Amino acid sequence: MSFNLANQSAEVRNAGEDEKSRLFQLWQQNLHRAKVDAARLVGEKAKRKGKWEEWLRSQLGDMS
């Protein structure tokens, strides 16, 4: 079955566009923080050596 927006009502199409807009704004707001967090996590690799993966898993678990 094909999903064609042209077959949907204007209300359904507008709701979808509103949701896309909201998610895009959320992405933009969190982009800088995500880059900073990623740099911090990768920056710890040299310091933590063999224990980095374990530490990384715990950090990612705390973020979720």
PDB file of N, CA and C in Angstrom:
ATOM      1  N   MET A   1       0.832  -1.179   0.000  1.00  0.00           N
ATOM      2  CA  MET A   1       0.000   0.000   0.000  1.00  0.00           C
ATOM      3  C   MET A   1       0.875   1.239   0.000  1.00  0.00           C
ATOM      4  N   SER A   2       0.568   2.156  -0.849  1.00  0.00           N
ATOM      5  CA  SER A   2       1.332   3.386  -0.989  1.00  0.00           C
ATOM      6  C   SER A   2       0.735   4.483  -0.108  1.00  0.00           C
ATOM      7  N   PHE A   3       1.610   5.283   0.492  1.00  0.00           N
ATOM      8  CA  PHE A   3       1.169   6.403   1.319  1.00  0.00           C
ATOM      9  C   PHE A   3       1.362   7.684   0.523  1.00  0.00           C
ATOM     10  N   ASN A   4       0.266   8.271   0.065  1.00  0.00           N
ATOM     11  CA  ASN A   4       0.323   9.476  -0.743  1.00  0.00           C
ATOM     12  C   ASN A   4      -0.358  10.607   0.020  1.00  0.00           C
ATOM     13  N   LEU A   5       0.401  11.663   0.296  1.00  0.00           N
ATOM     14  CA  LEU A   5      -0.160  12.788   1.036  1.00  0.00           C
ATOM     15  C   LEU A   5      -1.301  13.469   0.290  1.00  0.00           C
ATOM     16  N   ALA A   6      -1.297  13.377  -1.018  1.00  0.00           N
ATOM     17  CA  ALA A   6      -2.366  14.010  -1.800  1.00  0.00           C
ATOM     18  C   ALA A   6      -3.718  13.362  -1.502  1.00  0.00           C
ATOM     19  N   ASN A   7      -3.704  12.117  -1.037  1.00  0.00           N
ATOM     20  CA  ASN A   7      -4.946  11.422  -0.704  1.00  0.00           C
ATOM     21  C   ASN A   7      -5.428  11.740   0.707  1.00  0.00           C
ATOM     22  N   GLN A   8      -4.643  12.482   1.464  1.00  0.00           N
ATOM     23  CA  GLN A   8      -4.999  12.824   2.838  1.00  0.00           C
ATOM     24  C   GLN A   8      -5.718  14.172   2.893  1.00  0.00           C
ATOM     25  N   SER A   9      -6.475  14.369   3.956  1.00  0.00           N
ATOM     26  CA  SER A   9      -7.171  15.647   4.124  1.00  0.00           C
ATOM     27  C   SER A   9      -6.153  16.746   4.437  1.00  0.00           C
ATOM     28  N   ALA A  10      -6.571  17.974   4.263  1.00  0.00           N
ATOM     29  CA  ALA A  10      -5.695  19.111   4.548  1.00  0.00           C
ATOM     30  C   ALA A  10      -5.300  19.123   6.017  1.00  0.00           C
ATOM     31  N   GLU A  11      -6.204  18.726   6.889  1.00  0.00           N
ATOM     32  CA  GLU A  11      -5.901  18.695   8.326  1.00  0.00           C
ATOM     33  C   GLU A  11      -4.775  17.714   8.627  1.00  0.00           C
ATOM     34  N   VAL A  12      -4.831  16.546   8.023  1.00  0.00           N
ATOM     35  CA  VAL A  12      -3.807  15.530   8.241  1.00  0.00           C
ATOM     36  C   VAL A  12      -2.467  16.004   7.681  1.00  0.00           C
ATOM     37  N   ARG A  13      -2.480  16.585   6.507  1.00  0.00           N
ATOM     38  CA  ARG A  13      -1.233  17.102   5.911  1.00  0.00           C
ATOM     39  C   ARG A  13      -0.646  18.207   6.767  1.00  0.00           C
ATOM     40  N   ASN A  14      -1.486  19.129   7.241  1.00  0.00           N
ATOM     41  CA  ASN A  14      -1.000  20.234   8.080  1.00  0.00           C
ATOM     42  C   ASN A  14      -0.454  19.727   9.411  1.00  0.00           C
ATOM     43  N   ALA A  15      -1.111  18.731   9.989  1.00  0.00           N
ATOM     44  CA  ALA A  15      -0.618  18.158  11.248  1.00  0.00           C
ATOM     45  C   ALA A  15       0.761  17.540  11.031  1.00  0.00           C
ATOM     46  N   GLY A  16       0.947  16.845   9.919  1.00  0.00           N
ATOM     47  CA  GLY A  16       2.243  16.261   9.609  1.00  0.00           C
ATOM     48  C   GLY A  16       3.315  17.314   9.427  1.00  0.00           C
ATOM     49  N   GLU A  17       2.979  18.388   8.752  1.00  0.00           N
ATOM     50  CA  GLU A  17       3.941  19.472   8.544  1.00  0.00           C
ATOM     51  C   GLU A  17       4.281  20.168   9.863  1.00  0.00           C
ATOM     52  N   ASP A  18       3.291  20.337  10.722  1.00  0.00           N
ATOM     53  CA  ASP A  18       3.542  20.945  12.032  1.00  0.00           C
ATOM     54  C   ASP A  18       4.485  20.079  12.860  1.00  0.00           C
ATOM     55  N   GLU A  19       4.280  18.768  12.818  1.00  0.00           N
ATOM     56  CA  GLU A  19       5.142  17.848  13.557  1.00  0.00           C
ATOM     57  C   GLU A  19       6.563  17.875  12.998  1.00  0.00           C
ATOM     58  N   LYS A  20       6.704  17.907  11.685  1.00  0.00           N
ATOM     59  CA  LYS A  20       8.043  17.993  11.079  1.00  0.00           C
ATOM     60  C   LYS A  20       8.742  19.278  11.514  1.00  0.00           C
ATOM     61  N   SER A  21       8.007  20.367  11.533  1.00  0.00           N
ATOM     62  CA  SER A  21       8.573  21.650  11.936  1.00  0.00           C
ATOM     63  C   SER A  21       9.015  21.614  13.394  1.00  0.00           C
ATOM     64  N   ARG A  22       8.194  21.033  14.261  1.00  0.00           N
ATOM     65  CA  ARG A  22       8.526  20.941  15.677  1.00  0.00           C
ATOM     66  C   ARG A  22       9.790  20.094  15.885  1.00  0.00           C
ATOM     67  N   LEU A  23       9.868  18.976  15.192  1.00  0.00           N
ATOM     68  CA  LEU A  23      11.036  18.103  15.334  1.00  0.00           C
ATOM     69  C   LEU A  23      12.304  18.754  14.783  1.00  0.00           C
ATOM     70  N   PHE A  24      12.173  19.519  13.698  1.00  0.00           N
ATOM     71  CA  PHE A  24      13.332  20.219  13.144  1.00  0.00           C
ATOM     72  C   PHE A  24      13.844  21.263  14.124  1.00  0.00           C
ATOM     73  N   GLN A  25      12.929  22.010  14.749  1.00  0.00           N
ATOM     74  CA  GLN A  25      13.336  23.009  15.737  1.00  0.00           C
ATOM     75  C   GLN A  25      14.014  22.355  16.931  1.00  0.00           C
ATOM     76  N   LEU A  26      13.495  21.225  17.377  1.00  0.00           N
ATOM     77  CA  LEU A  26      14.102  20.484  18.486  1.00  0.00           C
ATOM     78  C   LEU A  26      15.513  20.045  18.113  1.00  0.00           C
ATOM     79  N   TRP A  27      15.683  19.549  16.885  1.00  0.00           N
ATOM     80  CA  TRP A  27      16.997  19.132  16.409  1.00  0.00           C
ATOM     81  C   TRP A  27      17.960  20.313  16.408  1.00  0.00           C
ATOM     82  N   GLN A  28      17.501  21.458  15.897  1.00  0.00           N
ATOM     83  CA  GLN A  28      18.367  22.635  15.847  1.00  0.00           C
ATOM     84  C   GLN A  28      18.775  23.087  17.247  1.00  0.00           C
ATOM     85  N   GLN A  29      17.842  23.035  18.189  1.00  0.00           N
ATOM     86  CA  GLN A  29      18.137  23.470  19.556  1.00  0.00           C
ATOM     87  C   GLN A  29      19.162  22.558  20.226  1.00  0.00           C
ATOM     88  N   ASN A  30      19.160  21.286  19.893  1.00  0.00           N
ATOM     89  CA  ASN A  30      20.030  20.323  20.558  1.00  0.00           C
ATOM     90  C   ASN A  30      21.317  20.021  19.800  1.00  0.00           C
ATOM     91  N   LEU A  31      21.475  20.556  18.606  1.00  0.00           N
ATOM     92  CA  LEU A  31      22.635  20.236  17.783  1.00  0.00           C
ATOM     93  C   LEU A  31      23.945  20.651  18.455  1.00  0.00           C
ATOM     94  N   HIS A  32      24.036  21.858  18.973  1.00  0.00           N
ATOM     95  CA  HIS A  32      25.273  22.334  19.594  1.00  0.00           C
ATOM     96  C   HIS A  32      25.627  21.468  20.804  1.00  0.00           C
ATOM     97  N   ARG A  33      24.633  21.182  21.635  1.00  0.00           N
ATOM     98  CA  ARG A  33      24.884  20.360  22.820  1.00  0.00           C
ATOM     99  C   ARG A  33      25.369  18.969  22.425  1.00  0.00           C
ATOM    100  N   ALA A  34      24.788  18.397  21.387  1.00  0.00           N
ATOM    101  CA  ALA A  34      25.198  17.069  20.934  1.00  0.00           C
ATOM    102  C   ALA A  34      26.649  17.077  20.465  1.00  0.00           C
ATOM    103  N   LYS A  35      27.044  18.132  19.759  1.00  0.00           N
ATOM    104  CA  LYS A  35      28.434  18.233  19.298  1.00  0.00           C
ATOM    105  C   LYS A  35      29.402  18.378  20.462  1.00  0.00           C
ATOM    106  N   VAL A  36      29.020  19.166  21.465  1.00  0.00           N
ATOM    107  CA  VAL A  36      29.867  19.354  22.644  1.00  0.00           C
ATOM    108  C   VAL A  36      30.002  18.042  23.405  1.00  0.00           C
ATOM    109  N   ASP A  37      28.887  17.338  23.589  1.00  0.00           N
ATOM    110  CA  ASP A  37      28.925  16.051  24.288  1.00  0.00           C
ATOM    111  C   ASP A  37      29.774  15.037  23.528  1.00  0.00           C
ATOM    112  N   ALA A  38      29.634  14.993  22.218  1.00  0.00           N
ATOM    113  CA  ALA A  38      30.418  14.060  21.412  1.00  0.00           C
ATOM    114  C   ALA A  38      31.914  14.359  21.530  1.00  0.00           C
ATOM    115  N   ALA A  39      32.275  15.623  21.483  1.00  0.00           N
ATOM    116  CA  ALA A  39      33.686  16.001  21.611  1.00  0.00           C
ATOM    117  C   ALA A  39      34.222  15.604  22.983  1.00  0.00           C
ATOM    118  N   ARG A  40      33.426  15.789  24.019  1.00  0.00           N
ATOM    119  CA  ARG A  40      33.844  15.419  25.377  1.00  0.00           C
ATOM    120  C   ARG A  40      34.060  13.909  25.482  1.00  0.00           C
ATOM    121  N   LEU A  41      33.132  13.148  24.931  1.00  0.00           N
ATOM    122  CA  LEU A  41      33.231  11.687  25.014  1.00  0.00           C
ATOM    123  C   LEU A  41      34.441  11.166  24.254  1.00  0.00           C
ATOM    124  N   VAL A  42      34.670  11.672  23.058  1.00  0.00           N
ATOM    125  CA  VAL A  42      35.815  11.225  22.262  1.00  0.00           C
ATOM    126  C   VAL A  42      37.117  11.716  22.882  1.00  0.00           C
ATOM    127  N   GLY A  43      37.093  12.913  23.473  1.00  0.00           N
ATOM    128  CA  GLY A  43      38.286  13.462  24.114  1.00  0.00           C
ATOM    129  C   GLY A  43      38.771  12.644  25.298  1.00  0.00           C
ATOM    130  N   GLU A  44      37.900  11.906  25.922  1.00  0.00           N
ATOM    131  CA  GLU A  44      38.266  11.075  27.069  1.00  0.00           C
ATOM    132  C   GLU A  44      38.947   9.776  26.665  1.00  0.00           C
ATOM    133  N   LYS A  45      38.906   9.435  25.383  1.00  0.00           N
ATOM    134  CA  LYS A  45      39.427   8.139  24.939  1.00  0.00           C
ATOM    135  C   LYS A  45      40.905   7.965  25.287  1.00  0.00           C
ATOM    136  N   ALA A  46      41.709   8.975  25.040  1.00  0.00           N
ATOM    137  CA  ALA A  46      43.145   8.868  25.308  1.00  0.00           C
ATOM    138  C   ALA A  46      43.425   8.792  26.808  1.00  0.00           C
ATOM    139  N   LYS A  47      42.609   9.465  27.598  1.00  0.00           N
ATOM    140  CA  LYS A  47      42.825   9.478  29.053  1.00  0.00           C
ATOM    141  C   LYS A  47      42.445   8.147  29.689  1.00  0.00           C
ATOM    142  N   ARG A  48      41.393   7.542  29.202  1.00  0.00           N
ATOM    143  CA  ARG A  48      40.849   6.346  29.858  1.00  0.00           C
ATOM    144  C   ARG A  48      41.375   5.048  29.261  1.00  0.00           C
ATOM    145  N   LYS A  49      41.978   5.106  28.108  1.00  0.00           N
ATOM    146  CA  LYS A  49      42.586   3.964  27.422  1.00  0.00           C
ATOM    147  C   LYS A  49      41.660   2.748  27.405  1.00  0.00           C
ATOM    148  N   GLY A  50      42.034   1.647  28.043  1.00  0.00           N
ATOM    149  CA  GLY A  50      41.280   0.401  27.954  1.00  0.00           C
ATOM    150  C   GLY A  50      39.907   0.439  28.610  1.00  0.00           C
ATOM    151  N   LYS A  51      39.696   1.349  29.529  1.00  0.00           N
ATOM    152  CA  LYS A  51      38.418   1.431  30.243  1.00  0.00           C
ATOM    153  C   LYS A  51      37.457   2.415  29.579  1.00  0.00           C
ATOM    154  N   TRP A  52      37.857   2.985  28.459  1.00  0.00           N
ATOM    155  CA  TRP A  52      37.035   4.012  27.816  1.00  0.00           C
ATOM    156  C   TRP A  52      35.681   3.479  27.366  1.00  0.00           C
ATOM    157  N   GLU A  53      35.641   2.297  26.768  1.00  0.00           N
ATOM    158  CA  GLU A  53      34.368   1.771  26.265  1.00  0.00           C
ATOM    159  C   GLU A  53      33.367   1.554  27.396  1.00  0.00           C
ATOM    160  N   GLU A  54      33.846   1.043  28.500  1.00  0.00           N
ATOM    161  CA  GLU A  54      32.972   0.837  29.664  1.00  0.00           C
ATOM    162  C   GLU A  54      32.452   2.188  30.168  1.00  0.00           C
ATOM    163  N   TRP A  55      33.356   3.153  30.279  1.00  0.00           N
ATOM    164  CA  TRP A  55      32.978   4.492  30.724  1.00  0.00           C
ATOM    165  C   TRP A  55      32.006   5.124  29.738  1.00  0.00           C
ATOM    166  N   LEU A  56      32.261   4.945  28.451  1.00  0.00           N
ATOM    167  CA  LEU A  56      31.395   5.507  27.416  1.00  0.00           C
ATOM    168  C   LEU A  56      29.988   4.960  27.530  1.00  0.00           C
ATOM    169  N   ARG A  57      29.869   3.636  27.704  1.00  0.00           N
ATOM    170  CA  ARG A  57      28.544   3.019  27.855  1.00  0.00           C
ATOM    171  C   ARG A  57      27.789   3.617  29.050  1.00  0.00           C
ATOM    172  N   SER A  58      28.485   3.819  30.134  1.00  0.00           N
ATOM    173  CA  SER A  58      27.813   4.394  31.314  1.00  0.00           C
ATOM    174  C   SER A  58      27.394   5.846  31.045  1.00  0.00           C
ATOM    175  N   GLN A  59      28.239   6.602  30.355  1.00  0.00           N
ATOM    176  CA  GLN A  59      27.897   7.992  30.030  1.00  0.00           C
ATOM    177  C   GLN A  59      26.693   8.053  29.092  1.00  0.00           C
ATOM    178  N   LEU A  60      26.673   7.199  28.088  1.00  0.00           N
ATOM    179  CA  LEU A  60      25.547   7.187  27.157  1.00  0.00           C
ATOM    180  C   LEU A  60      24.280   6.735  27.862  1.00  0.00           C
ATOM    181  N   GLY A  61      24.394   5.810  28.775  1.00  0.00           N
ATOM    182  CA  GLY A  61      23.235   5.381  29.548  1.00  0.00           C
ATOM    183  C   GLY A  61      22.672   6.514  30.396  1.00  0.00           C
ATOM    184  N   ASP A  62      23.565   7.325  30.971  1.00  0.00           N
ATOM    185  CA  ASP A  62      23.134   8.469  31.760  1.00  0.00           C
ATOM    186  C   ASP A  62      22.464   9.533  30.899  1.00  0.00           C
ATOM    187  N   MET A  63      22.889   9.670  29.660  1.00  0.00           N
ATOM    188  CA  MET A  63      22.295  10.664  28.757  1.00  0.00           C
ATOM    189  C   MET A  63      20.874  10.299  28.341  1.00  0.00           C
ATOM    190  N   SER A  64      20.612   9.001  28.196  1.00  0.00           N
ATOM    191  CA  SER A  64      19.278   8.606  27.778  1.00  0.00           C
ATOM    192  C   SER A  64      18.364   8.735  28.922  1.00  0.00           C
TER     193      SER A  64
END
